[in-house]
N, C-alpha and C. Protein backbone atom coordinates (compact mmCIF):
# COMPACT_ATOMS: atom_id res chain seq x y z
N UNK A 1 -6.13 12.72 -11.95
CA UNK A 1 -5.95 12.69 -13.39
C UNK A 1 -5.86 11.23 -13.84
N UNK A 2 -6.46 10.91 -14.93
CA UNK A 2 -6.50 9.53 -15.43
C UNK A 2 -5.19 9.18 -16.13
N UNK A 3 -4.79 7.94 -15.99
CA UNK A 3 -3.64 7.42 -16.73
C UNK A 3 -4.11 7.00 -18.12
N UNK A 4 -3.21 7.08 -19.08
CA UNK A 4 -3.55 6.68 -20.45
C UNK A 4 -2.68 5.50 -20.86
N UNK A 5 -3.31 4.48 -21.44
CA UNK A 5 -2.59 3.32 -21.97
C UNK A 5 -3.09 3.06 -23.39
N UNK A 6 -2.22 2.50 -24.22
CA UNK A 6 -2.67 2.18 -25.57
C UNK A 6 -3.40 0.83 -25.55
N UNK A 7 -4.10 0.53 -26.60
CA UNK A 7 -4.94 -0.66 -26.66
C UNK A 7 -4.12 -1.93 -26.46
N UNK A 8 -2.95 -2.02 -27.07
CA UNK A 8 -2.14 -3.23 -26.93
C UNK A 8 -1.79 -3.46 -25.47
N UNK A 9 -1.34 -2.41 -24.77
CA UNK A 9 -1.01 -2.56 -23.35
C UNK A 9 -2.25 -2.89 -22.53
N UNK A 10 -3.39 -2.32 -22.88
CA UNK A 10 -4.61 -2.61 -22.16
C UNK A 10 -4.99 -4.09 -22.29
N UNK A 11 -4.78 -4.64 -23.49
CA UNK A 11 -5.11 -6.06 -23.69
C UNK A 11 -4.16 -6.95 -22.90
N UNK A 12 -2.89 -6.60 -22.87
CA UNK A 12 -1.91 -7.47 -22.20
C UNK A 12 -1.88 -7.27 -20.69
N UNK A 13 -2.40 -6.13 -20.20
CA UNK A 13 -2.34 -5.83 -18.76
C UNK A 13 -3.73 -5.61 -18.16
N UNK A 14 -4.74 -6.20 -18.74
CA UNK A 14 -6.10 -5.94 -18.29
C UNK A 14 -6.30 -6.21 -16.80
N UNK A 15 -5.77 -7.32 -16.30
CA UNK A 15 -5.96 -7.64 -14.87
C UNK A 15 -5.36 -6.56 -13.97
N UNK A 16 -4.17 -6.09 -14.30
CA UNK A 16 -3.54 -5.04 -13.50
C UNK A 16 -4.33 -3.73 -13.59
N UNK A 17 -4.84 -3.43 -14.79
CA UNK A 17 -5.63 -2.21 -14.95
C UNK A 17 -6.92 -2.29 -14.13
N UNK A 18 -7.56 -3.44 -14.13
CA UNK A 18 -8.78 -3.62 -13.34
C UNK A 18 -8.47 -3.43 -11.86
N UNK A 19 -7.34 -3.96 -11.40
CA UNK A 19 -6.96 -3.77 -9.99
C UNK A 19 -6.81 -2.28 -9.67
N UNK A 20 -6.19 -1.52 -10.56
CA UNK A 20 -6.02 -0.09 -10.34
C UNK A 20 -7.37 0.63 -10.33
N UNK A 21 -8.27 0.22 -11.20
CA UNK A 21 -9.61 0.82 -11.24
C UNK A 21 -10.36 0.52 -9.95
N UNK A 22 -10.22 -0.70 -9.44
CA UNK A 22 -10.88 -1.05 -8.18
C UNK A 22 -10.39 -0.18 -7.02
N UNK A 23 -9.19 0.35 -7.13
CA UNK A 23 -8.64 1.24 -6.10
C UNK A 23 -9.05 2.69 -6.33
N UNK A 24 -9.86 2.95 -7.37
CA UNK A 24 -10.40 4.27 -7.60
C UNK A 24 -9.80 5.03 -8.77
N UNK A 25 -8.81 4.48 -9.43
CA UNK A 25 -8.16 5.17 -10.54
C UNK A 25 -8.99 5.04 -11.82
N UNK A 26 -8.92 6.07 -12.66
CA UNK A 26 -9.52 6.00 -13.99
C UNK A 26 -8.42 5.78 -15.01
N UNK A 27 -8.67 4.93 -15.98
CA UNK A 27 -7.70 4.61 -17.03
C UNK A 27 -8.33 4.97 -18.37
N UNK A 28 -7.61 5.74 -19.17
CA UNK A 28 -8.07 6.08 -20.52
C UNK A 28 -7.34 5.17 -21.49
N UNK A 29 -8.07 4.55 -22.40
CA UNK A 29 -7.48 3.68 -23.42
C UNK A 29 -7.44 4.45 -24.73
N UNK A 30 -6.27 4.45 -25.35
CA UNK A 30 -6.07 5.24 -26.57
C UNK A 30 -5.69 4.35 -27.74
N UNK A 31 -6.08 4.80 -28.93
CA UNK A 31 -5.67 4.15 -30.17
C UNK A 31 -4.88 5.20 -30.96
N UNK A 32 -3.64 4.89 -31.25
CA UNK A 32 -2.76 5.82 -31.97
C UNK A 32 -2.71 7.18 -31.27
N UNK A 33 -2.69 7.14 -29.92
CA UNK A 33 -2.58 8.37 -29.14
C UNK A 33 -3.88 9.13 -28.94
N UNK A 34 -4.98 8.64 -29.53
CA UNK A 34 -6.27 9.31 -29.41
C UNK A 34 -7.15 8.55 -28.43
N UNK A 35 -7.63 9.19 -27.36
CA UNK A 35 -8.49 8.51 -26.39
C UNK A 35 -9.76 7.97 -27.04
N UNK A 36 -10.06 6.69 -26.74
CA UNK A 36 -11.27 6.08 -27.31
C UNK A 36 -12.18 5.44 -26.26
N UNK A 37 -11.65 5.20 -25.06
CA UNK A 37 -12.47 4.55 -24.02
C UNK A 37 -11.92 4.91 -22.65
N UNK A 38 -12.75 4.67 -21.64
CA UNK A 38 -12.33 4.94 -20.27
C UNK A 38 -12.75 3.79 -19.36
N UNK A 39 -11.82 3.30 -18.56
CA UNK A 39 -12.14 2.34 -17.51
C UNK A 39 -12.29 3.14 -16.23
N UNK A 40 -13.42 2.98 -15.56
CA UNK A 40 -13.68 3.75 -14.34
C UNK A 40 -14.41 2.86 -13.34
N UNK A 41 -14.24 3.13 -12.04
CA UNK A 41 -14.95 2.33 -11.04
C UNK A 41 -16.46 2.52 -11.18
N UNK A 42 -17.18 1.45 -10.94
CA UNK A 42 -18.64 1.53 -10.94
C UNK A 42 -19.12 2.16 -9.64
N UNK A 43 -20.12 3.01 -9.75
CA UNK A 43 -20.71 3.61 -8.56
C UNK A 43 -21.68 2.60 -7.96
N UNK A 44 -21.79 2.59 -6.63
CA UNK A 44 -22.76 1.67 -6.02
C UNK A 44 -24.16 2.00 -6.49
N UNK A 45 -24.94 0.96 -6.72
CA UNK A 45 -26.31 1.17 -7.18
C UNK A 45 -27.17 1.65 -6.02
N UNK A 46 -28.05 2.60 -6.34
CA UNK A 46 -28.97 3.10 -5.33
C UNK A 46 -30.04 2.05 -5.05
N UNK A 47 -30.46 1.99 -3.82
CA UNK A 47 -31.56 1.10 -3.48
C UNK A 47 -32.85 1.91 -3.50
N UNK A 48 -33.96 1.25 -3.72
CA UNK A 48 -35.25 1.92 -3.71
C UNK A 48 -35.56 2.41 -2.30
N UNK A 49 -36.11 3.60 -2.23
CA UNK A 49 -36.48 4.17 -0.93
C UNK A 49 -37.78 3.52 -0.43
N UNK A 50 -37.85 3.35 0.86
CA UNK A 50 -39.05 2.79 1.48
C UNK A 50 -39.68 3.86 2.36
N UNK A 51 -40.79 4.48 1.92
CA UNK A 51 -41.43 5.50 2.74
C UNK A 51 -41.86 4.93 4.08
N UNK A 52 -41.67 5.72 5.11
CA UNK A 52 -42.10 5.33 6.44
C UNK A 52 -41.12 4.45 7.18
N UNK A 53 -39.94 4.25 6.64
CA UNK A 53 -38.97 3.36 7.27
C UNK A 53 -38.58 3.82 8.67
N UNK A 54 -38.57 5.13 8.90
CA UNK A 54 -38.19 5.67 10.22
C UNK A 54 -39.39 6.12 11.04
N UNK A 55 -40.60 5.71 10.64
CA UNK A 55 -41.80 6.10 11.37
C UNK A 55 -41.69 5.67 12.83
N UNK A 56 -41.97 6.62 13.72
CA UNK A 56 -41.91 6.34 15.15
C UNK A 56 -40.53 6.44 15.75
N UNK A 57 -39.50 6.64 14.94
CA UNK A 57 -38.13 6.70 15.44
C UNK A 57 -37.62 8.14 15.54
N UNK A 58 -38.34 9.07 14.93
CA UNK A 58 -37.94 10.47 14.95
C UNK A 58 -39.00 11.26 15.69
N UNK A 59 -38.56 12.06 16.64
CA UNK A 59 -39.49 12.86 17.43
C UNK A 59 -39.19 14.33 17.20
N UNK A 60 -40.21 15.10 16.88
CA UNK A 60 -40.06 16.54 16.70
C UNK A 60 -40.72 17.21 17.90
N UNK A 61 -39.97 18.08 18.56
CA UNK A 61 -40.48 18.75 19.76
C UNK A 61 -41.70 19.60 19.43
N UNK A 62 -42.60 19.73 20.41
CA UNK A 62 -43.82 20.51 20.20
C UNK A 62 -43.52 21.96 19.85
N UNK A 63 -42.44 22.51 20.38
CA UNK A 63 -42.11 23.91 20.13
C UNK A 63 -41.10 24.08 18.98
N UNK A 64 -41.01 23.11 18.11
CA UNK A 64 -40.03 23.13 17.03
C UNK A 64 -40.13 24.39 16.17
N UNK A 65 -41.34 24.78 15.80
CA UNK A 65 -41.49 25.91 14.90
C UNK A 65 -41.90 27.21 15.61
N UNK A 66 -41.75 27.25 16.94
CA UNK A 66 -42.05 28.46 17.70
C UNK A 66 -40.80 29.35 17.64
N UNK A 67 -40.98 30.58 17.19
CA UNK A 67 -39.87 31.53 17.06
C UNK A 67 -40.12 32.65 18.07
N UNK A 68 -39.42 32.59 19.19
CA UNK A 68 -39.64 33.53 20.28
C UNK A 68 -38.92 34.85 20.03
N UNK A 69 -39.25 35.89 20.79
CA UNK A 69 -38.52 37.16 20.67
C UNK A 69 -37.02 36.98 20.95
N UNK A 70 -36.68 36.06 21.84
CA UNK A 70 -35.27 35.79 22.12
C UNK A 70 -34.58 35.18 20.89
N UNK A 71 -35.30 34.28 20.22
CA UNK A 71 -34.76 33.70 18.98
C UNK A 71 -34.56 34.78 17.93
N UNK A 72 -35.54 35.69 17.83
CA UNK A 72 -35.45 36.80 16.87
C UNK A 72 -34.20 37.64 17.16
N UNK A 73 -33.98 37.96 18.43
CA UNK A 73 -32.81 38.74 18.83
C UNK A 73 -31.51 37.98 18.51
N UNK A 74 -31.49 36.67 18.81
CA UNK A 74 -30.28 35.87 18.56
C UNK A 74 -29.98 35.77 17.07
N UNK A 75 -31.02 35.62 16.25
CA UNK A 75 -30.82 35.45 14.81
C UNK A 75 -30.47 36.76 14.11
N UNK A 76 -31.21 37.81 14.50
CA UNK A 76 -31.10 39.06 13.74
C UNK A 76 -30.37 40.17 14.50
N UNK A 77 -29.96 39.91 15.75
CA UNK A 77 -29.16 40.86 16.51
C UNK A 77 -29.90 42.13 16.89
N UNK A 78 -31.18 42.05 17.09
CA UNK A 78 -31.94 43.24 17.46
C UNK A 78 -32.07 43.37 18.94
């Protein structure tokens, strides 16, 4: 649950509030008891994916998609 502080306290305690946000807390800033803003930790930015990055590092067995009668029995209990 987020903590709520009024604008005056947020202005005078900004450094402490930022420290709390860095630890994962969300802070709601209110004016006259009404929430108007939220301080929240930034999510890490996603990096662009590089197709083929794991090429040659992953091996799929030749029988990967072979479903034997034993597999059928194990899966479906027949």
